[in-house]
N, C-alpha and C. Protein backbone atom coordinates (compact mmCIF):
# COMPACT_ATOMS: atom_id res chain seq x y z
N MET A 1 -78.15 43.72 -5.44
CA MET A 1 -78.09 44.35 -4.15
C MET A 1 -76.77 44.06 -3.44
N LYS A 2 -76.30 42.78 -3.51
CA LYS A 2 -75.03 42.45 -2.89
C LYS A 2 -73.90 43.25 -3.51
N SER A 3 -73.96 43.43 -4.81
CA SER A 3 -72.93 44.19 -5.51
C SER A 3 -72.90 45.64 -5.01
N PHE A 4 -74.09 46.23 -4.82
CA PHE A 4 -74.18 47.59 -4.35
C PHE A 4 -73.58 47.72 -2.95
N LEU A 5 -73.93 46.80 -2.03
CA LEU A 5 -73.41 46.85 -0.67
C LEU A 5 -71.91 46.62 -0.65
N HIS A 6 -71.42 45.74 -1.53
CA HIS A 6 -69.98 45.50 -1.62
C HIS A 6 -69.26 46.77 -2.08
N THR A 7 -69.85 47.49 -3.06
CA THR A 7 -69.25 48.73 -3.56
C THR A 7 -69.24 49.79 -2.47
N VAL A 8 -70.34 49.94 -1.72
CA VAL A 8 -70.41 50.92 -0.62
C VAL A 8 -69.37 50.58 0.44
N ALA A 9 -69.23 49.32 0.77
CA ALA A 9 -68.25 48.91 1.78
C ALA A 9 -66.84 49.21 1.31
N ALA A 10 -66.55 48.97 0.02
CA ALA A 10 -65.22 49.26 -0.53
C ALA A 10 -64.92 50.75 -0.49
N ILE A 11 -65.91 51.56 -0.87
CA ILE A 11 -65.73 53.02 -0.83
C ILE A 11 -65.53 53.46 0.62
N GLY A 12 -66.29 52.90 1.53
CA GLY A 12 -66.16 53.23 2.95
C GLY A 12 -64.78 52.93 3.47
N ARG A 13 -64.23 51.77 3.12
CA ARG A 13 -62.88 51.41 3.56
C ARG A 13 -61.86 52.38 2.99
N ARG A 14 -62.02 52.72 1.71
CA ARG A 14 -61.08 53.64 1.05
C ARG A 14 -61.11 55.00 1.75
N HIS A 15 -62.32 55.52 2.00
CA HIS A 15 -62.42 56.83 2.68
C HIS A 15 -61.90 56.77 4.10
N ALA A 16 -62.13 55.65 4.75
CA ALA A 16 -61.62 55.49 6.11
C ALA A 16 -60.10 55.52 6.10
N CYS A 17 -59.49 54.88 5.11
CA CYS A 17 -58.03 54.89 5.00
C CYS A 17 -57.51 56.29 4.71
N ILE A 18 -58.18 57.00 3.80
CA ILE A 18 -57.77 58.37 3.46
C ILE A 18 -57.90 59.26 4.70
N LEU A 19 -59.01 59.15 5.39
CA LEU A 19 -59.23 59.94 6.59
C LEU A 19 -58.18 59.63 7.65
N ALA A 20 -57.91 58.36 7.88
CA ALA A 20 -56.90 57.98 8.87
C ALA A 20 -55.52 58.50 8.48
N GLY A 21 -55.19 58.42 7.20
CA GLY A 21 -53.91 58.94 6.72
C GLY A 21 -53.81 60.44 6.92
N GLY A 22 -54.89 61.15 6.64
CA GLY A 22 -54.90 62.60 6.84
C GLY A 22 -54.73 62.98 8.29
N ILE A 23 -55.41 62.27 9.17
CA ILE A 23 -55.28 62.54 10.60
C ILE A 23 -53.85 62.26 11.05
N LEU A 24 -53.27 61.18 10.60
CA LEU A 24 -51.91 60.83 10.97
C LEU A 24 -50.93 61.89 10.50
N CYS A 25 -51.08 62.35 9.25
CA CYS A 25 -50.17 63.39 8.73
C CYS A 25 -50.32 64.67 9.52
N PHE A 26 -51.55 65.09 9.80
CA PHE A 26 -51.77 66.32 10.55
C PHE A 26 -51.20 66.20 11.96
N SER A 27 -51.45 65.09 12.62
CA SER A 27 -50.96 64.89 13.98
C SER A 27 -49.45 64.88 14.02
N THR A 28 -48.82 64.18 13.09
CA THR A 28 -47.37 64.13 13.05
C THR A 28 -46.78 65.50 12.84
N ALA A 29 -47.37 66.31 11.95
CA ALA A 29 -46.85 67.65 11.71
C ALA A 29 -46.98 68.52 12.95
N SER A 30 -48.10 68.42 13.64
CA SER A 30 -48.27 69.25 14.83
C SER A 30 -47.36 68.78 15.96
N TRP A 31 -47.12 67.47 16.10
CA TRP A 31 -46.20 66.99 17.12
C TRP A 31 -44.79 67.45 16.83
N ALA A 32 -44.38 67.44 15.60
CA ALA A 32 -43.03 67.82 15.24
C ALA A 32 -42.77 69.28 15.55
N HIS A 33 -43.82 70.10 15.44
CA HIS A 33 -43.64 71.53 15.65
C HIS A 33 -43.81 71.92 17.11
N GLY A 34 -44.31 71.05 17.94
CA GLY A 34 -44.46 71.37 19.35
C GLY A 34 -45.87 71.85 19.65
N ASN A 35 -46.15 71.98 20.91
CA ASN A 35 -47.47 72.38 21.35
C ASN A 35 -47.43 73.85 21.71
N HIS A 36 -47.65 74.72 20.72
CA HIS A 36 -47.66 76.15 20.99
C HIS A 36 -48.33 76.90 19.84
N THR A 37 -48.64 78.15 20.12
CA THR A 37 -49.18 79.05 19.12
C THR A 37 -48.25 80.25 19.03
N HIS A 38 -47.78 80.55 17.84
CA HIS A 38 -46.86 81.68 17.69
C HIS A 38 -47.51 82.96 18.18
N GLY A 39 -46.74 83.74 18.93
CA GLY A 39 -47.22 85.00 19.47
C GLY A 39 -47.90 84.89 20.81
N HIS A 40 -48.25 83.66 21.22
CA HIS A 40 -48.96 83.45 22.48
C HIS A 40 -48.09 82.63 23.42
N GLY A 41 -48.02 83.07 24.65
CA GLY A 41 -47.28 82.33 25.66
C GLY A 41 -48.07 82.25 26.94
N THR A 42 -47.49 81.60 27.92
CA THR A 42 -48.11 81.52 29.23
C THR A 42 -47.13 82.02 30.27
N ALA A 43 -47.66 82.47 31.37
CA ALA A 43 -46.84 82.92 32.49
C ALA A 43 -47.51 82.48 33.78
N ARG A 44 -46.68 82.29 34.77
CA ARG A 44 -47.17 81.95 36.10
C ARG A 44 -46.45 82.86 37.08
N LEU A 45 -47.21 83.55 37.92
CA LEU A 45 -46.66 84.42 38.96
C LEU A 45 -47.07 83.85 40.31
N VAL A 46 -46.11 83.66 41.18
CA VAL A 46 -46.41 83.18 42.52
C VAL A 46 -45.71 84.11 43.51
N VAL A 47 -46.50 84.73 44.38
CA VAL A 47 -45.96 85.57 45.44
C VAL A 47 -46.07 84.78 46.73
N ASP A 48 -44.93 84.56 47.36
CA ASP A 48 -44.88 83.81 48.61
C ASP A 48 -43.98 84.57 49.58
N GLY A 49 -44.61 85.41 50.40
CA GLY A 49 -43.83 86.26 51.31
C GLY A 49 -42.96 87.20 50.50
N PRO A 50 -41.66 87.21 50.77
CA PRO A 50 -40.78 88.12 50.04
C PRO A 50 -40.33 87.58 48.67
N THR A 51 -40.78 86.39 48.31
CA THR A 51 -40.36 85.78 47.05
C THR A 51 -41.42 85.94 45.97
N LEU A 52 -40.97 86.40 44.82
CA LEU A 52 -41.81 86.44 43.62
C LEU A 52 -41.17 85.49 42.63
N ALA A 53 -41.92 84.47 42.22
CA ALA A 53 -41.44 83.52 41.22
C ALA A 53 -42.26 83.71 39.95
N VAL A 54 -41.56 83.88 38.83
CA VAL A 54 -42.20 84.10 37.54
C VAL A 54 -41.68 83.05 36.57
N THR A 55 -42.59 82.40 35.88
CA THR A 55 -42.22 81.44 34.84
C THR A 55 -42.90 81.86 33.55
N LEU A 56 -42.11 82.08 32.52
CA LEU A 56 -42.61 82.39 31.18
C LEU A 56 -42.37 81.20 30.29
N ASP A 57 -43.39 80.76 29.58
CA ASP A 57 -43.28 79.66 28.62
C ASP A 57 -43.78 80.21 27.29
N VAL A 58 -42.82 80.51 26.40
CA VAL A 58 -43.13 81.24 25.17
C VAL A 58 -42.47 80.55 23.97
N PRO A 59 -43.17 80.44 22.85
CA PRO A 59 -42.53 79.92 21.64
C PRO A 59 -41.33 80.79 21.27
N LEU A 60 -40.24 80.17 20.95
CA LEU A 60 -39.03 80.92 20.60
C LEU A 60 -39.28 81.86 19.43
N GLU A 61 -40.16 81.47 18.53
CA GLU A 61 -40.50 82.30 17.37
C GLU A 61 -41.05 83.65 17.80
N SER A 62 -41.75 83.71 18.92
CA SER A 62 -42.32 84.96 19.41
C SER A 62 -41.25 85.94 19.85
N TYR A 63 -40.12 85.44 20.26
CA TYR A 63 -38.99 86.29 20.65
C TYR A 63 -38.11 86.65 19.45
N LEU A 64 -37.86 85.67 18.59
CA LEU A 64 -36.85 85.83 17.53
C LEU A 64 -37.41 86.15 16.15
N GLY A 65 -38.63 85.71 15.89
CA GLY A 65 -39.17 85.83 14.54
C GLY A 65 -38.96 84.56 13.74
N TYR A 66 -38.30 83.58 14.30
CA TYR A 66 -38.10 82.27 13.67
C TYR A 66 -37.94 81.25 14.79
N ASP A 67 -38.19 79.97 14.49
CA ASP A 67 -38.10 78.95 15.54
C ASP A 67 -37.28 77.75 15.09
N TYR A 68 -36.19 78.04 14.45
CA TYR A 68 -35.27 77.01 14.00
C TYR A 68 -33.86 77.55 14.22
N PRO A 69 -32.84 76.71 14.13
CA PRO A 69 -31.48 77.20 14.37
C PRO A 69 -31.15 78.37 13.43
N PRO A 70 -30.48 79.40 13.96
CA PRO A 70 -30.16 80.56 13.13
C PRO A 70 -29.28 80.17 11.94
N GLY A 71 -29.63 80.73 10.78
CA GLY A 71 -28.90 80.39 9.57
C GLY A 71 -27.98 81.51 9.10
N ASP A 72 -28.57 82.59 8.62
CA ASP A 72 -27.76 83.67 8.05
C ASP A 72 -27.24 84.62 9.13
N ASP A 73 -26.47 85.62 8.70
CA ASP A 73 -25.86 86.57 9.64
C ASP A 73 -26.90 87.35 10.44
N ALA A 74 -28.00 87.73 9.80
CA ALA A 74 -29.05 88.49 10.51
C ALA A 74 -29.66 87.65 11.62
N GLN A 75 -29.92 86.37 11.35
CA GLN A 75 -30.48 85.50 12.38
C GLN A 75 -29.46 85.23 13.48
N GLN A 76 -28.20 85.10 13.12
CA GLN A 76 -27.15 84.91 14.13
C GLN A 76 -27.10 86.12 15.07
N LYS A 77 -27.23 87.33 14.51
CA LYS A 77 -27.22 88.54 15.32
C LYS A 77 -28.45 88.60 16.22
N THR A 78 -29.62 88.27 15.67
CA THR A 78 -30.85 88.24 16.46
C THR A 78 -30.71 87.27 17.62
N TRP A 79 -30.15 86.11 17.35
CA TRP A 79 -29.93 85.10 18.39
C TRP A 79 -28.98 85.61 19.46
N ALA A 80 -27.85 86.21 19.05
CA ALA A 80 -26.87 86.73 20.01
C ALA A 80 -27.48 87.85 20.86
N ASP A 81 -28.25 88.74 20.23
CA ASP A 81 -28.90 89.83 20.97
C ASP A 81 -29.90 89.28 21.98
N PHE A 82 -30.65 88.27 21.58
CA PHE A 82 -31.62 87.66 22.48
C PHE A 82 -30.91 87.02 23.67
N ARG A 83 -29.85 86.29 23.42
CA ARG A 83 -29.09 85.65 24.51
C ARG A 83 -28.55 86.71 25.47
N ALA A 84 -28.12 87.85 24.94
CA ALA A 84 -27.63 88.94 25.80
C ALA A 84 -28.77 89.50 26.67
N ARG A 85 -29.98 89.63 26.09
CA ARG A 85 -31.13 90.13 26.85
C ARG A 85 -31.49 89.17 27.99
N LEU A 86 -31.32 87.87 27.76
CA LEU A 86 -31.64 86.89 28.81
C LEU A 86 -30.79 87.09 30.06
N ALA A 87 -29.62 87.69 29.91
CA ALA A 87 -28.75 87.95 31.06
C ALA A 87 -29.35 89.00 31.99
N ASP A 88 -30.33 89.77 31.50
CA ASP A 88 -31.00 90.78 32.30
C ASP A 88 -32.49 90.46 32.38
N PRO A 89 -32.91 89.68 33.37
CA PRO A 89 -34.31 89.26 33.46
C PRO A 89 -35.31 90.42 33.51
N LEU A 90 -34.88 91.61 33.93
CA LEU A 90 -35.79 92.75 33.97
C LEU A 90 -36.21 93.19 32.57
N ARG A 91 -35.57 92.68 31.55
CA ARG A 91 -35.99 92.95 30.17
C ARG A 91 -37.15 92.05 29.76
N PHE A 92 -37.57 91.17 30.67
CA PHE A 92 -38.69 90.27 30.43
C PHE A 92 -39.82 90.49 31.43
N VAL A 93 -39.46 90.71 32.70
CA VAL A 93 -40.42 90.88 33.78
C VAL A 93 -39.90 91.95 34.73
N GLU A 94 -40.81 92.82 35.17
CA GLU A 94 -40.38 93.89 36.08
C GLU A 94 -41.43 94.10 37.18
N PRO A 95 -41.08 93.73 38.42
CA PRO A 95 -41.99 93.98 39.53
C PRO A 95 -42.08 95.49 39.82
N ALA A 96 -43.15 95.88 40.50
CA ALA A 96 -43.32 97.29 40.88
C ALA A 96 -42.08 97.77 41.64
N ALA A 97 -41.60 98.95 41.28
CA ALA A 97 -40.37 99.50 41.86
C ALA A 97 -40.46 99.65 43.38
N ASP A 98 -41.64 100.02 43.89
CA ASP A 98 -41.80 100.23 45.33
C ASP A 98 -41.53 98.97 46.15
N ALA A 99 -41.67 97.82 45.56
CA ALA A 99 -41.45 96.56 46.29
C ALA A 99 -39.97 96.25 46.48
N GLN A 100 -39.12 96.97 45.77
CA GLN A 100 -37.66 96.80 45.87
C GLN A 100 -37.24 95.34 45.70
N CYS A 101 -37.66 94.77 44.58
CA CYS A 101 -37.34 93.38 44.28
C CYS A 101 -36.01 93.28 43.54
N ALA A 102 -35.22 92.30 43.91
CA ALA A 102 -33.94 92.03 43.25
C ALA A 102 -33.98 90.61 42.70
N VAL A 103 -33.37 90.44 41.54
CA VAL A 103 -33.31 89.11 40.93
C VAL A 103 -32.41 88.22 41.79
N ARG A 104 -32.97 87.10 42.23
CA ARG A 104 -32.19 86.12 42.99
C ARG A 104 -31.51 85.14 42.04
N ASP A 105 -32.29 84.63 41.07
CA ASP A 105 -31.72 83.74 40.06
C ASP A 105 -32.66 83.67 38.87
N ALA A 106 -32.10 83.26 37.76
CA ALA A 106 -32.87 83.08 36.52
C ALA A 106 -32.24 81.94 35.74
N LYS A 107 -33.12 81.15 35.10
CA LYS A 107 -32.62 80.05 34.27
C LYS A 107 -33.60 79.80 33.15
N THR A 108 -33.09 79.18 32.10
CA THR A 108 -33.93 78.82 30.97
C THR A 108 -33.95 77.31 30.82
N SER A 109 -35.04 76.86 30.23
CA SER A 109 -35.16 75.46 29.86
C SER A 109 -35.64 75.41 28.42
N PRO A 110 -34.87 74.86 27.53
CA PRO A 110 -33.59 74.20 27.77
C PRO A 110 -32.52 75.21 28.16
N ASN A 111 -31.47 74.69 28.79
CA ASN A 111 -30.33 75.52 29.16
C ASN A 111 -29.60 75.91 27.88
N LEU A 112 -29.65 77.17 27.51
CA LEU A 112 -29.07 77.60 26.24
C LEU A 112 -27.56 77.54 26.23
N ASP A 113 -26.93 77.57 27.41
CA ASP A 113 -25.47 77.46 27.46
C ASP A 113 -25.01 76.05 27.11
N ALA A 114 -25.85 75.06 27.39
CA ALA A 114 -25.48 73.67 27.12
C ALA A 114 -26.15 73.11 25.87
N ALA A 115 -27.10 73.87 25.28
CA ALA A 115 -27.84 73.37 24.12
C ALA A 115 -26.99 73.36 22.86
N ASP A 116 -27.25 72.39 22.01
CA ASP A 116 -26.61 72.31 20.70
C ASP A 116 -27.06 73.52 19.87
N ALA A 117 -26.13 74.22 19.29
CA ALA A 117 -26.44 75.44 18.52
C ALA A 117 -27.36 75.15 17.34
N GLN A 118 -27.40 73.92 16.86
CA GLN A 118 -28.25 73.58 15.72
C GLN A 118 -29.52 72.84 16.13
N ALA A 119 -29.81 72.79 17.43
CA ALA A 119 -31.00 72.10 17.91
C ALA A 119 -32.24 72.96 17.70
N ASP A 120 -33.34 72.31 17.36
CA ASP A 120 -34.62 73.01 17.29
C ASP A 120 -35.13 73.23 18.71
N ILE A 121 -35.54 74.46 18.98
CA ILE A 121 -36.13 74.79 20.28
C ILE A 121 -37.48 75.39 20.00
N ASP A 122 -38.54 74.66 20.32
CA ASP A 122 -39.89 75.16 20.07
C ASP A 122 -40.27 76.23 21.08
N ASN A 123 -40.27 75.89 22.35
CA ASN A 123 -40.63 76.81 23.42
C ASN A 123 -39.43 77.02 24.33
N LEU A 124 -39.33 78.23 24.85
CA LEU A 124 -38.31 78.54 25.83
C LEU A 124 -39.02 78.87 27.14
N VAL A 125 -38.61 78.20 28.20
CA VAL A 125 -39.17 78.47 29.53
C VAL A 125 -38.12 79.27 30.30
N LEU A 126 -38.52 80.46 30.73
CA LEU A 126 -37.65 81.33 31.51
C LEU A 126 -38.22 81.40 32.92
N GLU A 127 -37.42 80.99 33.90
CA GLU A 127 -37.83 81.02 35.30
C GLU A 127 -36.99 82.06 36.01
N ILE A 128 -37.68 83.00 36.67
CA ILE A 128 -37.00 84.08 37.39
C ILE A 128 -37.53 84.12 38.82
N ARG A 129 -36.60 84.23 39.77
CA ARG A 129 -36.98 84.37 41.18
C ARG A 129 -36.45 85.71 41.67
N PHE A 130 -37.35 86.45 42.31
CA PHE A 130 -37.00 87.73 42.90
C PHE A 130 -37.14 87.63 44.42
N THR A 131 -36.34 88.40 45.13
CA THR A 131 -36.53 88.61 46.55
C THR A 131 -36.91 90.07 46.72
N CYS A 132 -38.04 90.32 47.37
CA CYS A 132 -38.57 91.67 47.50
C CYS A 132 -38.37 92.16 48.94
N ALA A 133 -37.70 93.31 49.09
CA ALA A 133 -37.46 93.89 50.40
C ALA A 133 -38.76 94.41 51.01
N ARG A 134 -39.69 94.84 50.17
CA ARG A 134 -40.98 95.35 50.63
C ARG A 134 -42.11 94.61 49.91
N PRO A 135 -42.35 93.35 50.23
CA PRO A 135 -43.36 92.58 49.51
C PRO A 135 -44.77 93.17 49.63
N GLU A 136 -45.05 93.88 50.69
CA GLU A 136 -46.37 94.51 50.85
C GLU A 136 -46.61 95.58 49.79
N ALA A 137 -45.54 96.09 49.18
CA ALA A 137 -45.65 97.12 48.14
C ALA A 137 -45.72 96.51 46.73
N LEU A 138 -45.69 95.20 46.64
CA LEU A 138 -45.75 94.55 45.34
C LEU A 138 -47.20 94.56 44.84
N LYS A 139 -47.54 95.60 44.13
CA LYS A 139 -48.92 95.80 43.66
C LYS A 139 -49.09 95.45 42.18
N SER A 140 -47.97 95.27 41.45
CA SER A 140 -48.06 94.94 40.03
C SER A 140 -46.76 94.30 39.56
N VAL A 141 -46.89 93.60 38.45
CA VAL A 141 -45.74 93.03 37.74
C VAL A 141 -45.96 93.33 36.27
N GLY A 142 -44.97 93.98 35.66
CA GLY A 142 -45.05 94.29 34.23
C GLY A 142 -44.28 93.27 33.41
N PHE A 143 -44.80 92.99 32.24
CA PHE A 143 -44.12 92.08 31.31
C PHE A 143 -43.41 92.91 30.26
N THR A 144 -42.16 93.23 30.56
CA THR A 144 -41.34 94.09 29.71
C THR A 144 -40.90 93.37 28.43
N ALA A 145 -41.09 92.07 28.35
CA ALA A 145 -40.72 91.31 27.15
C ALA A 145 -41.43 91.85 25.92
N PHE A 146 -42.62 92.41 26.09
CA PHE A 146 -43.37 92.96 24.95
C PHE A 146 -42.61 94.09 24.26
N ARG A 147 -41.80 94.84 25.00
CA ARG A 147 -41.10 96.01 24.44
C ARG A 147 -40.15 95.64 23.31
N GLU A 148 -39.38 94.58 23.51
CA GLU A 148 -38.33 94.23 22.56
C GLU A 148 -38.67 93.05 21.66
N HIS A 149 -39.85 92.50 21.85
CA HIS A 149 -40.23 91.31 21.09
C HIS A 149 -41.61 91.51 20.48
N PRO A 150 -41.68 92.19 19.32
CA PRO A 150 -42.98 92.47 18.71
C PRO A 150 -43.74 91.23 18.27
N GLY A 151 -43.07 90.10 18.17
CA GLY A 151 -43.75 88.85 17.83
C GLY A 151 -44.56 88.29 18.98
N LEU A 152 -44.30 88.79 20.18
CA LEU A 152 -45.04 88.35 21.36
C LEU A 152 -46.32 89.18 21.45
N LYS A 153 -47.46 88.54 21.24
CA LYS A 153 -48.75 89.24 21.17
C LYS A 153 -49.56 89.15 22.45
N GLN A 154 -49.42 88.05 23.20
CA GLN A 154 -50.17 87.95 24.45
C GLN A 154 -49.61 86.85 25.33
N LEU A 155 -49.84 87.03 26.63
CA LEU A 155 -49.49 86.03 27.62
C LEU A 155 -50.72 85.71 28.45
N ARG A 156 -50.98 84.45 28.63
CA ARG A 156 -52.05 84.00 29.52
C ARG A 156 -51.38 83.79 30.87
N VAL A 157 -51.78 84.57 31.88
CA VAL A 157 -51.07 84.62 33.15
C VAL A 157 -51.91 84.01 34.27
N GLN A 158 -51.32 83.08 34.99
CA GLN A 158 -51.91 82.53 36.20
C GLN A 158 -51.20 83.18 37.38
N VAL A 159 -51.99 83.76 38.28
CA VAL A 159 -51.44 84.49 39.42
C VAL A 159 -51.86 83.81 40.71
N LYS A 160 -50.88 83.64 41.61
CA LYS A 160 -51.17 83.15 42.95
C LYS A 160 -50.46 84.10 43.91
N ASN A 161 -51.26 84.82 44.68
CA ASN A 161 -50.74 85.78 45.64
C ASN A 161 -51.47 85.53 46.95
N GLY A 162 -50.86 84.73 47.82
CA GLY A 162 -51.54 84.33 49.05
C GLY A 162 -52.74 83.47 48.71
N ALA A 163 -53.90 83.86 49.22
CA ALA A 163 -55.13 83.11 48.94
C ALA A 163 -55.75 83.50 47.62
N THR A 164 -55.27 84.58 47.01
CA THR A 164 -55.84 85.07 45.76
C THR A 164 -55.27 84.30 44.58
N ARG A 165 -56.16 83.82 43.75
CA ARG A 165 -55.77 83.14 42.51
C ARG A 165 -56.61 83.72 41.39
N LYS A 166 -55.97 84.00 40.27
CA LYS A 166 -56.71 84.47 39.11
C LYS A 166 -55.92 84.17 37.85
N THR A 167 -56.63 84.15 36.74
CA THR A 167 -56.02 83.96 35.43
C THR A 167 -56.49 85.09 34.55
N LEU A 168 -55.56 85.70 33.85
CA LEU A 168 -55.90 86.79 32.96
C LEU A 168 -54.94 86.82 31.78
N THR A 169 -55.26 87.64 30.82
CA THR A 169 -54.43 87.77 29.62
C THR A 169 -53.85 89.17 29.57
N VAL A 170 -52.53 89.27 29.34
CA VAL A 170 -51.88 90.56 29.16
C VAL A 170 -51.39 90.65 27.72
N ARG A 171 -51.41 91.87 27.21
CA ARG A 171 -51.00 92.15 25.84
C ARG A 171 -50.09 93.38 25.83
N PRO A 172 -49.45 93.67 24.71
CA PRO A 172 -48.54 94.82 24.66
C PRO A 172 -49.18 96.14 25.10
N ARG A 173 -50.44 96.32 24.82
CA ARG A 173 -51.11 97.58 25.16
C ARG A 173 -51.29 97.72 26.68
N PHE A 174 -51.57 96.62 27.36
CA PHE A 174 -51.71 96.60 28.83
C PHE A 174 -50.86 95.44 29.35
N PRO A 175 -49.54 95.65 29.49
CA PRO A 175 -48.63 94.55 29.78
C PRO A 175 -48.37 94.24 31.25
N ALA A 176 -49.29 94.61 32.14
CA ALA A 176 -49.02 94.40 33.57
C ALA A 176 -50.18 93.67 34.24
N VAL A 177 -49.82 92.99 35.31
CA VAL A 177 -50.79 92.34 36.19
C VAL A 177 -50.83 93.19 37.45
N MET A 178 -52.04 93.54 37.87
CA MET A 178 -52.23 94.32 39.09
C MET A 178 -52.74 93.38 40.18
N PHE A 179 -52.23 93.53 41.39
CA PHE A 179 -52.69 92.71 42.53
C PHE A 179 -53.71 93.48 43.33
């Protein structure tokens, strides 16, 4: 009987070690890749008087089709084209035209102008601030990023407009939030 219990305990320790090793390997791999799901991003819209603040947090792979430093000529071109699109925030987010919103400022995190060209960037956070001449006419915000980025499949959007708060999901087929 002692021999049997000793054998069960030995097998238990071995399986516990294998299980712990597997968990460690899985956790390390997921940490190295970042906390995101390809094709899925998040957005936050805040309307405060004449100011519309939009923050997009999207895996770089959803924009580019890859999430590592560009290697070949095709990836270099994709990267350059993407950087050019970032200069025009309306290619990512577009408030209702009637609200007459103008881009006040836009920035990315990490700052791509200062980032090492060979650095891994898992997620890109794009923050855009608009000033709206007619905020009462701001009835919707469209996510134009879907047009040029087929890898972007959905955005989970948190909206705060005065006392109204809601969370919803937008997709390429219905890419706008209505207030």
